[in-house]
Amino acid sequence: MTSTLLAFCGAALVLAVIPGPSTAVIVRQALRGGRRAALAAIAANELGLLFWALVAALGASALVEASAVAYDVLRIAGAVVLVALGAQSILGRRRAGDGDAGPGAREPAAGGWSAFRIGLLTILANPKAAVFAASFLPQFVPAGAPTLPALLLLSLVWVAVDTAWYLALVLLLGRLQAAMSGGRVRRTLEAVSGVVLVALGVRMVLERP
């Protein structure tokens, strides 16, 4: 069981490192609202990830995978969220460039609760998270082990590894921001994150299960 958990932790870390919608949203929140907003977005993302993992453990994610309508509804909703966030970041960057905000200014709307809602909506509206959880977790259930308890344990480990990666990412991003003087750099990074979010949203619309 120990070797299986180690292998699972390695696989979970690789998955966390690969950039995706959650990474883009967390980076966006860190740029817009600082560490507090980033931590709120991480907490929401991990809550959503745990939800999909538990759904997979209980076998309910097969309904999402089997139902083209449910999958498409989640896919379109997720794409709308990503494009809206991306457009907001791009347009917000332009407004900030025209204003008198100082280098360290943060937008009031990027508070903890707002960031939490955005992070939770992003992960819950991502149907690939549900489908992937259903295909990823069972691969690491040891032969002969009780399936449901093993899946529940793997779900918790997955969330722990994912959380550790995003906390390290936010810490690194905070240090990079501190090393870079001027609000223009932050606004430029925010605009870049906005373009990435829009691109991810468009890709989600075009993708098929």
Protein backbone atom coordinates (compact mmCIF):
# COMPACT_ATOMS: atom_id res chain seq x y z
CA MET A 1 0.00 0.00 0.00
CA THR A 2 2.89 2.37 0.78
CA SER A 3 4.42 1.98 -2.67
CA THR A 4 1.00 2.50 -4.26
CA LEU A 5 0.48 5.72 -2.29
CA LEU A 6 3.91 7.00 -3.30
CA ALA A 7 3.20 6.26 -6.94
CA PHE A 8 -0.17 7.95 -6.61
CA CYS A 9 1.38 11.04 -5.00
CA GLY A 10 3.85 11.29 -7.87
CA ALA A 11 1.08 10.99 -10.45
CA ALA A 12 -1.08 13.52 -8.59
CA LEU A 13 1.82 15.99 -8.48
CA VAL A 14 2.39 15.66 -12.21
CA LEU A 15 -1.30 16.36 -12.80
CA ALA A 16 -1.20 19.41 -10.53
CA VAL A 17 1.85 20.87 -12.29
CA ILE A 18 0.23 20.65 -15.74
CA PRO A 19 -1.41 24.09 -16.28
CA GLY A 20 -5.16 24.16 -16.75
CA PRO A 21 -8.22 26.28 -15.92
CA SER A 22 -7.69 25.98 -12.15
CA THR A 23 -4.08 27.13 -12.41
CA ALA A 24 -5.04 30.09 -14.59
CA VAL A 25 -7.83 31.14 -12.21
CA ILE A 26 -5.66 30.87 -9.11
CA VAL A 27 -2.89 32.91 -10.74
CA ARG A 28 -5.47 35.49 -11.82
CA GLN A 29 -6.85 35.79 -8.31
CA ALA A 30 -3.34 36.11 -6.87
CA LEU A 31 -2.59 38.97 -9.28
CA ARG A 32 -5.89 40.73 -8.67
CA GLY A 33 -6.36 40.23 -4.94
CA GLY A 34 -3.06 39.09 -3.48
CA ARG A 35 -2.42 36.11 -1.23
CA ARG A 36 -5.80 36.20 0.51
CA ALA A 37 -7.71 35.90 -2.77
CA ALA A 38 -5.33 33.21 -4.02
CA LEU A 39 -5.77 31.13 -0.87
CA ALA A 40 -9.54 31.47 -1.13
CA ALA A 41 -9.43 30.31 -4.75
CA ILE A 42 -7.23 27.35 -3.76
CA ALA A 43 -9.61 26.36 -0.97
CA ALA A 44 -12.54 26.48 -3.38
CA ASN A 45 -10.68 24.53 -6.04
CA GLU A 46 -9.74 21.78 -3.60
CA LEU A 47 -13.29 21.61 -2.27
CA GLY A 48 -14.52 21.14 -5.83
CA LEU A 49 -11.79 18.60 -6.58
CA LEU A 50 -12.77 16.64 -3.46
CA PHE A 51 -16.39 16.77 -4.58
CA TRP A 52 -15.57 15.29 -7.99
CA ALA A 53 -13.27 12.69 -6.42
CA LEU A 54 -16.01 11.59 -4.01
CA VAL A 55 -18.52 11.54 -6.84
CA ALA A 56 -16.14 9.30 -8.77
CA ALA A 57 -15.64 7.07 -5.73
CA LEU A 58 -19.40 6.63 -5.45
CA GLY A 59 -19.70 5.93 -9.16
CA ALA A 60 -21.94 8.90 -9.91
CA SER A 61 -19.45 10.51 -12.30
CA ALA A 62 -20.33 7.77 -14.79
CA LEU A 63 -23.62 9.62 -15.28
CA VAL A 64 -21.77 12.74 -16.42
CA GLU A 65 -19.54 10.69 -18.68
CA ALA A 66 -22.46 8.78 -20.18
CA SER A 67 -24.80 11.74 -20.62
CA ALA A 68 -23.85 13.92 -23.58
CA VAL A 69 -26.35 16.57 -22.44
CA ALA A 70 -24.95 16.81 -18.89
CA TYR A 71 -21.40 16.91 -20.23
CA ASP A 72 -22.18 19.64 -22.76
CA VAL A 73 -24.06 21.75 -20.20
CA LEU A 74 -21.08 21.67 -17.84
CA ARG A 75 -18.65 22.23 -20.70
CA ILE A 76 -20.43 25.31 -22.04
CA ALA A 77 -20.94 26.71 -18.53
CA GLY A 78 -17.26 26.26 -17.76
CA ALA A 79 -16.26 27.91 -21.03
CA VAL A 80 -18.50 30.91 -20.31
CA VAL A 81 -16.95 31.32 -16.87
CA LEU A 82 -13.39 31.18 -18.23
CA VAL A 83 -14.04 33.60 -21.09
CA ALA A 84 -15.85 36.04 -18.77
CA LEU A 85 -12.97 35.97 -16.26
CA GLY A 86 -10.43 36.39 -19.03
CA ALA A 87 -12.26 39.32 -20.58
CA GLN A 88 -12.60 40.93 -17.15
CA SER A 89 -8.85 40.65 -16.59
CA ILE A 90 -8.03 42.11 -20.01
CA LEU A 91 -10.50 44.98 -19.73
CA GLY A 92 -9.57 45.55 -16.07
CA ARG A 93 -5.94 45.92 -17.11
CA ARG A 94 -6.90 48.63 -19.60
CA ARG A 95 -8.99 50.52 -17.05
CA ALA A 96 -6.18 50.31 -14.53
CA GLY A 97 -3.77 51.64 -17.12
CA ASP A 98 -5.99 54.69 -17.64
CA GLY A 99 -6.46 55.35 -13.93
CA ASP A 100 -4.34 56.64 -11.11
CA ALA A 101 -4.08 53.44 -9.11
CA GLY A 102 -0.77 52.91 -7.39
CA PRO A 103 1.61 50.02 -7.99
CA GLY A 104 0.28 47.98 -5.12
CA ALA A 105 -3.38 48.64 -5.71
CA ARG A 106 -5.75 45.74 -5.49
CA GLU A 107 -9.28 45.61 -6.76
CA PRO A 108 -11.92 45.45 -3.98
CA ALA A 109 -13.91 42.87 -5.98
CA ALA A 110 -11.01 40.43 -5.75
CA GLY A 111 -11.64 39.70 -2.06
CA GLY A 112 -11.65 36.32 -0.40
CA TRP A 113 -15.34 35.48 -0.84
CA SER A 114 -15.39 36.58 -4.48
CA ALA A 115 -12.26 34.55 -5.21
CA PHE A 116 -13.76 31.53 -3.45
CA ARG A 117 -16.93 31.69 -5.57
CA ILE A 118 -14.91 32.00 -8.76
CA GLY A 119 -12.63 29.11 -7.86
CA LEU A 120 -15.53 26.85 -6.90
CA LEU A 121 -17.53 27.69 -10.01
CA THR A 122 -14.53 27.01 -12.23
CA ILE A 123 -13.84 23.51 -10.90
CA LEU A 124 -17.50 22.48 -10.62
CA ALA A 125 -18.22 23.60 -14.20
CA ASN A 126 -15.34 21.53 -15.56
CA PRO A 127 -16.78 18.19 -16.74
CA LYS A 128 -13.31 16.84 -17.49
CA ALA A 129 -12.58 16.94 -13.76
CA ALA A 130 -15.46 14.52 -13.16
CA VAL A 131 -14.56 12.23 -16.04
CA PHE A 132 -10.87 12.25 -15.22
CA ALA A 133 -11.43 11.49 -11.55
CA ALA A 134 -13.45 8.44 -12.55
CA SER A 135 -10.62 7.13 -14.74
CA PHE A 136 -7.63 8.23 -12.63
CA LEU A 137 -8.45 7.09 -9.10
CA PRO A 138 -9.40 3.44 -9.75
CA GLN A 139 -6.01 2.75 -11.34
CA PHE A 140 -4.34 3.04 -7.94
CA VAL A 141 -6.67 0.87 -5.89
CA PRO A 142 -4.51 -2.04 -4.64
CA ALA A 143 -5.63 -5.50 -5.66
CA GLY A 144 -7.77 -7.06 -2.97
CA ALA A 145 -8.30 -3.79 -1.09
CA PRO A 146 -11.86 -2.61 -0.27
CA THR A 147 -12.69 -0.37 -3.22
CA LEU A 148 -14.68 2.43 -1.59
CA PRO A 149 -12.34 3.03 1.41
CA ALA A 150 -9.34 2.95 -0.93
CA LEU A 151 -10.95 5.47 -3.28
CA LEU A 152 -11.83 7.75 -0.36
CA LEU A 153 -8.24 7.64 0.90
CA LEU A 154 -6.88 8.35 -2.57
CA SER A 155 -9.30 11.27 -2.90
CA LEU A 156 -7.96 12.88 0.27
CA VAL A 157 -4.36 12.30 -0.78
CA TRP A 158 -5.08 13.80 -4.21
CA VAL A 159 -6.51 16.94 -2.64
CA ALA A 160 -3.54 17.21 -0.24
CA VAL A 161 -0.98 16.95 -3.05
CA ASP A 162 -2.91 19.40 -5.23
CA THR A 163 -3.16 21.87 -2.35
CA ALA A 164 0.56 21.66 -1.60
CA TRP A 165 1.42 22.44 -5.22
CA TYR A 166 -0.87 25.45 -5.46
CA LEU A 167 0.35 26.84 -2.13
CA ALA A 168 3.93 26.59 -3.41
CA LEU A 169 2.88 28.27 -6.66
CA VAL A 170 1.21 31.17 -4.85
CA LEU A 171 4.23 31.60 -2.59
CA LEU A 172 6.52 31.73 -5.63
CA LEU A 173 4.23 34.15 -7.41
CA GLY A 174 4.14 36.41 -4.36
CA ARG A 175 7.93 36.55 -4.25
CA LEU A 176 8.10 37.33 -7.96
CA GLN A 177 5.61 40.15 -7.51
CA ALA A 178 7.61 41.56 -4.61
CA ALA A 179 10.76 41.50 -6.73
CA MET A 180 9.07 43.32 -9.61
CA SER A 181 8.44 46.99 -8.94
CA GLY A 182 5.59 48.95 -10.46
CA GLY A 183 1.94 48.23 -11.11
CA ARG A 184 2.51 47.97 -14.85
CA VAL A 185 4.16 44.57 -14.50
CA ARG A 186 1.26 43.25 -12.44
CA ARG A 187 -1.28 44.58 -14.92
CA THR A 188 0.62 43.05 -17.82
CA LEU A 189 0.69 39.67 -16.07
CA GLU A 190 -3.00 39.99 -15.38
CA ALA A 191 -3.68 40.71 -19.05
CA VAL A 192 -1.64 37.64 -20.02
CA SER A 193 -3.61 35.51 -17.57
CA GLY A 194 -6.79 36.92 -19.12
CA VAL A 195 -5.71 35.86 -22.60
CA VAL A 196 -4.90 32.38 -21.27
CA LEU A 197 -8.34 32.11 -19.64
CA VAL A 198 -10.10 33.12 -22.85
CA ALA A 199 -8.03 30.60 -24.81
CA LEU A 200 -8.89 27.85 -22.31
CA GLY A 201 -12.56 28.76 -22.55
CA VAL A 202 -12.53 28.61 -26.34
CA ARG A 203 -10.71 25.27 -26.23
CA MET A 204 -13.31 23.91 -23.80
CA VAL A 205 -16.08 24.85 -26.24
CA LEU A 206 -14.33 23.13 -29.15
CA GLU A 207 -13.31 20.01 -27.24
CA ARG A 208 -15.37 16.87 -27.32
CA PRO A 209 -15.40 14.08 -24.69
